[in-house]
Amino acid sequence: MMKLLILLLLLVSTAYSNLPRCTDEINAIRSRLANEYSIANMNKLGYNPKLEKKILEKLKSSGGCPDKSVEHEDGFIVGLNIRMWKGFQLHVASNTGSMDIACVETRCKDSGELITSAVLDIGKSPILAGPPGSRCSENRTSDSNGLCSLETSGKSGKYVRKGAAQRVGEAIDRKINSWFGWK
């Protein structure tokens, strides 16, 4: 029984450790801008691992060492080498209706530089003025940061744990967050 529990914890922790903290960082930027500029309908982004493929395809074309760039492609914004780059923040903030994001960290073979790249969907909602979170779409509700979160949102925006699964999931989340220094 104990071996089964350890195996289960290892499998779950491996799955959770792949969720990058860039989602939280970009949502913090979106929250700050929603509050600073009174944006009433800024969505909270949820992590979508399927979008990582778009980033990896773009990185191949740059040889893995891209310059800072933003490209609009097939309903998505792809930002390459976005670490500490305010230009990408403008694109993130101006798309209030965006819902999904993925991030990838790679290392440039030539320079050894850590490269952070992200992709998010282009939202179709115009920017609406008003108190942050006051004009969310019908399936979203305002969270404490002024962002419009999915009503089913636990942490990721897509899954809700209940009962014992919720307690185990929260314990795993705390452990993983402490390992990586996330809050």
C-alpha atoms as a PDB file:
ATOM      1  CA  MET A   1       0.000   0.000   0.000  1.00  0.00           C
ATOM      2  CA  MET A   2       2.791   2.435   0.926  1.00  0.00           C
ATOM      3  CA  LYS A   3       4.642   1.711  -2.337  1.00  0.00           C
ATOM      4  CA  LEU A   4       1.474   2.441  -4.291  1.00  0.00           C
ATOM      5  CA  LEU A   5       1.007   5.748  -2.482  1.00  0.00           C
ATOM      6  CA  ILE A   6       4.635   6.775  -3.137  1.00  0.00           C
ATOM      7  CA  LEU A   7       4.294   5.852  -6.816  1.00  0.00           C
ATOM      8  CA  LEU A   8       1.087   7.870  -7.056  1.00  0.00           C
ATOM      9  CA  LEU A   9       2.736  10.899  -5.410  1.00  0.00           C
ATOM     10  CA  LEU A  10       5.705  10.670  -7.781  1.00  0.00           C
ATOM     11  CA  LEU A  11       3.439  10.535 -10.824  1.00  0.00           C
ATOM     12  CA  VAL A  12       1.323  13.451  -9.646  1.00  0.00           C
ATOM     13  CA  SER A  13       4.335  15.563  -8.636  1.00  0.00           C
ATOM     14  CA  THR A  14       5.961  14.960 -12.028  1.00  0.00           C
ATOM     15  CA  ALA A  15       2.824  16.181 -13.772  1.00  0.00           C
ATOM     16  CA  TYR A  16       2.554  19.274 -11.571  1.00  0.00           C
ATOM     17  CA  SER A  17       6.259  20.156 -11.769  1.00  0.00           C
ATOM     18  CA  ASN A  18       5.883  20.730 -15.508  1.00  0.00           C
ATOM     19  CA  LEU A  19       3.553  23.687 -14.936  1.00  0.00           C
ATOM     20  CA  PRO A  20       5.834  26.707 -15.205  1.00  0.00           C
ATOM     21  CA  ARG A  21       5.504  29.599 -12.848  1.00  0.00           C
ATOM     22  CA  CYS A  22       5.497  31.996 -15.805  1.00  0.00           C
ATOM     23  CA  THR A  23       1.696  31.643 -15.794  1.00  0.00           C
ATOM     24  CA  ASP A  24       1.585  33.137 -12.302  1.00  0.00           C
ATOM     25  CA  GLU A  25       4.077  35.844 -13.259  1.00  0.00           C
ATOM     26  CA  ILE A  26       2.142  36.858 -16.371  1.00  0.00           C
ATOM     27  CA  ASN A  27      -1.164  36.773 -14.483  1.00  0.00           C
ATOM     28  CA  ALA A  28       0.447  39.083 -11.892  1.00  0.00           C
ATOM     29  CA  ILE A  29       1.344  41.511 -14.701  1.00  0.00           C
ATOM     30  CA  ARG A  30      -2.204  41.296 -16.054  1.00  0.00           C
ATOM     31  CA  SER A  31      -3.614  41.937 -12.580  1.00  0.00           C
ATOM     32  CA  ARG A  32      -1.346  44.932 -12.026  1.00  0.00           C
ATOM     33  CA  LEU A  33      -2.336  46.449 -15.380  1.00  0.00           C
ATOM     34  CA  ALA A  34      -6.043  45.722 -14.854  1.00  0.00           C
ATOM     35  CA  ASN A  35      -5.876  47.560 -11.530  1.00  0.00           C
ATOM     36  CA  GLU A  36      -3.660  50.393 -12.745  1.00  0.00           C
ATOM     37  CA  TYR A  37      -5.677  51.128 -15.902  1.00  0.00           C
ATOM     38  CA  SER A  38      -9.164  50.112 -14.679  1.00  0.00           C
ATOM     39  CA  ILE A  39      -9.623  47.211 -17.098  1.00  0.00           C
ATOM     40  CA  ALA A  40     -12.895  45.507 -16.207  1.00  0.00           C
ATOM     41  CA  ASN A  41     -12.583  42.304 -18.250  1.00  0.00           C
ATOM     42  CA  MET A  42      -8.967  41.043 -18.014  1.00  0.00           C
ATOM     43  CA  ASN A  43      -9.086  37.220 -18.021  1.00  0.00           C
ATOM     44  CA  LYS A  44      -6.874  35.113 -15.813  1.00  0.00           C
ATOM     45  CA  LEU A  45      -4.757  32.851 -18.033  1.00  0.00           C
ATOM     46  CA  GLY A  46      -4.790  29.093 -17.575  1.00  0.00           C
ATOM     47  CA  TYR A  47      -1.841  26.897 -18.509  1.00  0.00           C
ATOM     48  CA  ASN A  48      -2.347  24.821 -21.669  1.00  0.00           C
ATOM     49  CA  PRO A  49       0.553  22.370 -22.227  1.00  0.00           C
ATOM     50  CA  LYS A  50      -0.634  21.631 -25.786  1.00  0.00           C
ATOM     51  CA  LEU A  51       0.530  25.112 -26.799  1.00  0.00           C
ATOM     52  CA  GLU A  52       4.165  24.287 -25.937  1.00  0.00           C
ATOM     53  CA  LYS A  53       4.506  22.704 -29.408  1.00  0.00           C
ATOM     54  CA  LYS A  54       3.974  26.112 -31.049  1.00  0.00           C
ATOM     55  CA  ILE A  55       6.923  27.543 -29.115  1.00  0.00           C
ATOM     56  CA  LEU A  56       9.182  24.590 -29.888  1.00  0.00           C
ATOM     57  CA  GLU A  57       8.411  24.910 -33.614  1.00  0.00           C
ATOM     58  CA  LYS A  58       9.390  28.596 -33.536  1.00  0.00           C
ATOM     59  CA  LEU A  59      12.566  27.878 -31.585  1.00  0.00           C
ATOM     60  CA  LYS A  60      13.674  25.383 -34.261  1.00  0.00           C
ATOM     61  CA  SER A  61      13.573  28.092 -36.914  1.00  0.00           C
ATOM     62  CA  SER A  62      15.846  30.327 -34.810  1.00  0.00           C
ATOM     63  CA  GLY A  63      18.361  27.606 -34.038  1.00  0.00           C
ATOM     64  CA  GLY A  64      17.327  27.723 -30.374  1.00  0.00           C
ATOM     65  CA  CYS A  65      18.854  31.179 -29.807  1.00  0.00           C
ATOM     66  CA  PRO A  66      16.146  33.656 -30.818  1.00  0.00           C
ATOM     67  CA  ASP A  67      16.262  37.414 -30.589  1.00  0.00           C
ATOM     68  CA  LYS A  68      13.452  39.053 -28.643  1.00  0.00           C
ATOM     69  CA  SER A  69      10.424  38.916 -30.900  1.00  0.00           C
ATOM     70  CA  VAL A  70       6.656  38.734 -30.931  1.00  0.00           C
ATOM     71  CA  GLU A  71       4.752  37.115 -33.754  1.00  0.00           C
ATOM     72  CA  HIS A  72       1.020  36.927 -34.363  1.00  0.00           C
ATOM     73  CA  GLU A  73       0.160  33.626 -35.965  1.00  0.00           C
ATOM     74  CA  ASP A  74      -3.094  31.695 -36.441  1.00  0.00           C
ATOM     75  CA  GLY A  75      -4.884  33.285 -33.477  1.00  0.00           C
ATOM     76  CA  PHE A  76      -1.865  33.181 -31.157  1.00  0.00           C
ATOM     77  CA  ILE A  77       0.834  35.525 -29.919  1.00  0.00           C
ATOM     78  CA  VAL A  78       4.243  33.858 -29.722  1.00  0.00           C
ATOM     79  CA  GLY A  79       6.888  35.685 -27.702  1.00  0.00           C
ATOM     80  CA  LEU A  80      10.447  34.423 -28.030  1.00  0.00           C
ATOM     81  CA  ASN A  81      13.147  35.306 -25.516  1.00  0.00           C
ATOM     82  CA  ILE A  82      10.722  37.279 -23.327  1.00  0.00           C
ATOM     83  CA  ARG A  83      12.702  37.264 -20.072  1.00  0.00           C
ATOM     84  CA  MET A  84      12.688  40.777 -18.570  1.00  0.00           C
ATOM     85  CA  TRP A  85      11.191  42.239 -21.755  1.00  0.00           C
ATOM     86  CA  LYS A  86       8.538  44.936 -21.336  1.00  0.00           C
ATOM     87  CA  GLY A  87       7.574  44.760 -25.039  1.00  0.00           C
ATOM     88  CA  PHE A  88       5.944  41.377 -24.541  1.00  0.00           C
ATOM     89  CA  GLN A  89       4.001  42.738 -21.553  1.00  0.00           C
ATOM     90  CA  LEU A  90       2.188  45.155 -23.879  1.00  0.00           C
ATOM     91  CA  HIS A  91       0.956  42.246 -25.996  1.00  0.00           C
ATOM     92  CA  VAL A  92      -0.091  40.292 -22.908  1.00  0.00           C
ATOM     93  CA  ALA A  93      -1.985  43.245 -21.462  1.00  0.00           C
ATOM     94  CA  SER A  94      -3.731  44.332 -24.632  1.00  0.00           C
ATOM     95  CA  ASN A  95      -5.442  40.981 -25.104  1.00  0.00           C
ATOM     96  CA  THR A  96      -7.912  40.974 -22.239  1.00  0.00           C
ATOM     97  CA  GLY A  97      -9.882  38.031 -23.659  1.00  0.00           C
ATOM     98  CA  SER A  98      -6.902  35.658 -23.843  1.00  0.00           C
ATOM     99  CA  MET A  99      -7.502  32.494 -21.840  1.00  0.00           C
ATOM    100  CA  ASP A 100      -4.607  30.072 -22.422  1.00  0.00           C
ATOM    101  CA  ILE A 101      -0.839  30.316 -22.087  1.00  0.00           C
ATOM    102  CA  ALA A 102       2.151  27.998 -22.323  1.00  0.00           C
ATOM    103  CA  CYS A 103       5.796  28.691 -21.575  1.00  0.00           C
ATOM    104  CA  VAL A 104       9.046  26.922 -22.380  1.00  0.00           C
ATOM    105  CA  GLU A 105      12.514  27.506 -20.963  1.00  0.00           C
ATOM    106  CA  THR A 106      15.498  26.442 -23.047  1.00  0.00           C
ATOM    107  CA  ARG A 107      19.198  27.195 -23.035  1.00  0.00           C
ATOM    108  CA  CYS A 108      20.971  28.693 -26.041  1.00  0.00           C
ATOM    109  CA  LYS A 109      23.799  26.321 -27.008  1.00  0.00           C
ATOM    110  CA  ASP A 110      25.998  29.150 -28.298  1.00  0.00           C
ATOM    111  CA  SER A 111      25.857  31.568 -25.347  1.00  0.00           C
ATOM    112  CA  GLY A 112      24.460  29.416 -22.536  1.00  0.00           C
ATOM    113  CA  GLU A 113      21.741  32.061 -22.030  1.00  0.00           C
ATOM    114  CA  LEU A 114      18.466  30.878 -20.487  1.00  0.00           C
ATOM    115  CA  ILE A 115      15.676  31.558 -22.986  1.00  0.00           C
ATOM    116  CA  THR A 116      12.078  31.918 -21.825  1.00  0.00           C
ATOM    117  CA  SER A 117       9.394  31.867 -24.505  1.00  0.00           C
ATOM    118  CA  ALA A 118       5.605  32.006 -24.225  1.00  0.00           C
ATOM    119  CA  VAL A 119       2.511  31.655 -26.364  1.00  0.00           C
ATOM    120  CA  LEU A 120      -1.011  32.802 -25.612  1.00  0.00           C
ATOM    121  CA  ASP A 121      -4.238  32.842 -27.557  1.00  0.00           C
ATOM    122  CA  ILE A 122      -5.489  36.127 -28.979  1.00  0.00           C
ATOM    123  CA  GLY A 123      -8.655  37.037 -27.158  1.00  0.00           C
ATOM    124  CA  LYS A 124     -11.572  38.396 -29.095  1.00  0.00           C
ATOM    125  CA  SER A 125     -12.835  40.740 -26.364  1.00  0.00           C
ATOM    126  CA  PRO A 126     -12.214  44.470 -26.560  1.00  0.00           C
ATOM    127  CA  ILE A 127     -10.788  46.202 -23.494  1.00  0.00           C
ATOM    128  CA  LEU A 128     -13.666  47.337 -21.280  1.00  0.00           C
ATOM    129  CA  ALA A 129     -13.190  50.159 -18.776  1.00  0.00           C
ATOM    130  CA  GLY A 130     -14.328  49.900 -15.182  1.00  0.00           C
ATOM    131  CA  PRO A 131     -13.336  48.431 -11.842  1.00  0.00           C
ATOM    132  CA  PRO A 132     -11.131  45.332 -12.377  1.00  0.00           C
ATOM    133  CA  GLY A 133     -13.192  42.160 -12.659  1.00  0.00           C
ATOM    134  CA  SER A 134     -16.513  44.021 -12.866  1.00  0.00           C
ATOM    135  CA  ARG A 135     -17.360  43.036 -16.456  1.00  0.00           C
ATOM    136  CA  CYS A 136     -16.349  39.381 -16.734  1.00  0.00           C
ATOM    137  CA  SER A 137     -17.907  37.129 -19.375  1.00  0.00           C
ATOM    138  CA  GLU A 138     -20.756  34.871 -18.278  1.00  0.00           C
ATOM    139  CA  ASN A 139     -18.612  31.807 -17.446  1.00  0.00           C
ATOM    140  CA  ARG A 140     -16.074  33.823 -15.415  1.00  0.00           C
ATOM    141  CA  THR A 141     -16.113  35.568 -12.076  1.00  0.00           C
ATOM    142  CA  SER A 142     -13.864  38.199 -10.535  1.00  0.00           C
ATOM    143  CA  ASP A 143     -11.056  36.904  -8.326  1.00  0.00           C
ATOM    144  CA  SER A 144      -9.268  38.746  -5.520  1.00  0.00           C
ATOM    145  CA  ASN A 145      -6.670  40.077  -7.994  1.00  0.00           C
ATOM    146  CA  GLY A 146      -9.193  41.767 -10.285  1.00  0.00           C
ATOM    147  CA  LEU A 147      -8.932  39.114 -13.000  1.00  0.00           C
ATOM    148  CA  CYS A 148     -11.822  37.183 -14.523  1.00  0.00           C
ATOM    149  CA  SER A 149     -11.335  33.522 -13.559  1.00  0.00           C
ATOM    150  CA  LEU A 150     -13.251  30.484 -14.726  1.00  0.00           C
ATOM    151  CA  GLU A 151     -16.012  29.712 -12.242  1.00  0.00           C
ATOM    152  CA  THR A 152     -14.812  26.104 -12.058  1.00  0.00           C
ATOM    153  CA  SER A 153     -11.342  27.367 -11.260  1.00  0.00           C
ATOM    154  CA  GLY A 154      -9.385  25.612  -8.584  1.00  0.00           C
ATOM    155  CA  LYS A 155      -5.850  26.618  -9.478  1.00  0.00           C
ATOM    156  CA  SER A 156      -5.526  25.809 -13.166  1.00  0.00           C
ATOM    157  CA  GLY A 157      -8.932  27.051 -14.235  1.00  0.00           C
ATOM    158  CA  LYS A 158      -9.967  23.679 -15.638  1.00  0.00           C
ATOM    159  CA  TYR A 159     -10.237  21.131 -12.834  1.00  0.00           C
ATOM    160  CA  VAL A 160     -11.931  21.119  -9.468  1.00  0.00           C
ATOM    161  CA  ARG A 161     -10.821  18.694  -6.760  1.00  0.00           C
ATOM    162  CA  LYS A 162     -13.313  17.690  -4.092  1.00  0.00           C
ATOM    163  CA  GLY A 163     -13.089  15.960  -0.718  1.00  0.00           C
ATOM    164  CA  ALA A 164     -10.028  13.833  -0.043  1.00  0.00           C
ATOM    165  CA  ALA A 165      -8.657  14.462  -3.539  1.00  0.00           C
ATOM    166  CA  GLN A 166      -8.691  18.187  -2.800  1.00  0.00           C
ATOM    167  CA  ARG A 167      -6.772  17.758   0.478  1.00  0.00           C
ATOM    168  CA  VAL A 168      -4.183  15.463  -1.143  1.00  0.00           C
ATOM    169  CA  GLY A 169      -3.859  17.794  -4.133  1.00  0.00           C
ATOM    170  CA  GLU A 170      -3.368  20.827  -1.887  1.00  0.00           C
ATOM    171  CA  ALA A 171      -0.686  18.993   0.108  1.00  0.00           C
ATOM    172  CA  ILE A 172       1.119  18.044  -3.101  1.00  0.00           C
ATOM    173  CA  ASP A 173       0.829  21.608  -4.398  1.00  0.00           C
ATOM    174  CA  ARG A 174       2.351  22.972  -1.157  1.00  0.00           C
ATOM    175  CA  LYS A 175       5.232  20.486  -1.331  1.00  0.00           C
ATOM    176  CA  ILE A 176       5.976  21.235  -4.997  1.00  0.00           C
ATOM    177  CA  ASN A 177       5.724  24.970  -4.405  1.00  0.00           C
ATOM    178  CA  SER A 178       8.207  24.704  -1.530  1.00  0.00           C
ATOM    179  CA  TRP A 179      10.629  22.686  -3.688  1.00  0.00           C
ATOM    180  CA  PHE A 180      10.624  25.323  -6.414  1.00  0.00           C
ATOM    181  CA  GLY A 181      10.299  28.369  -4.160  1.00  0.00           C
ATOM    182  CA  TRP A 182       6.922  29.311  -5.660  1.00  0.00           C
ATOM    183  CA  LYS A 183       4.206  30.972  -3.612  1.00  0.00           C
END
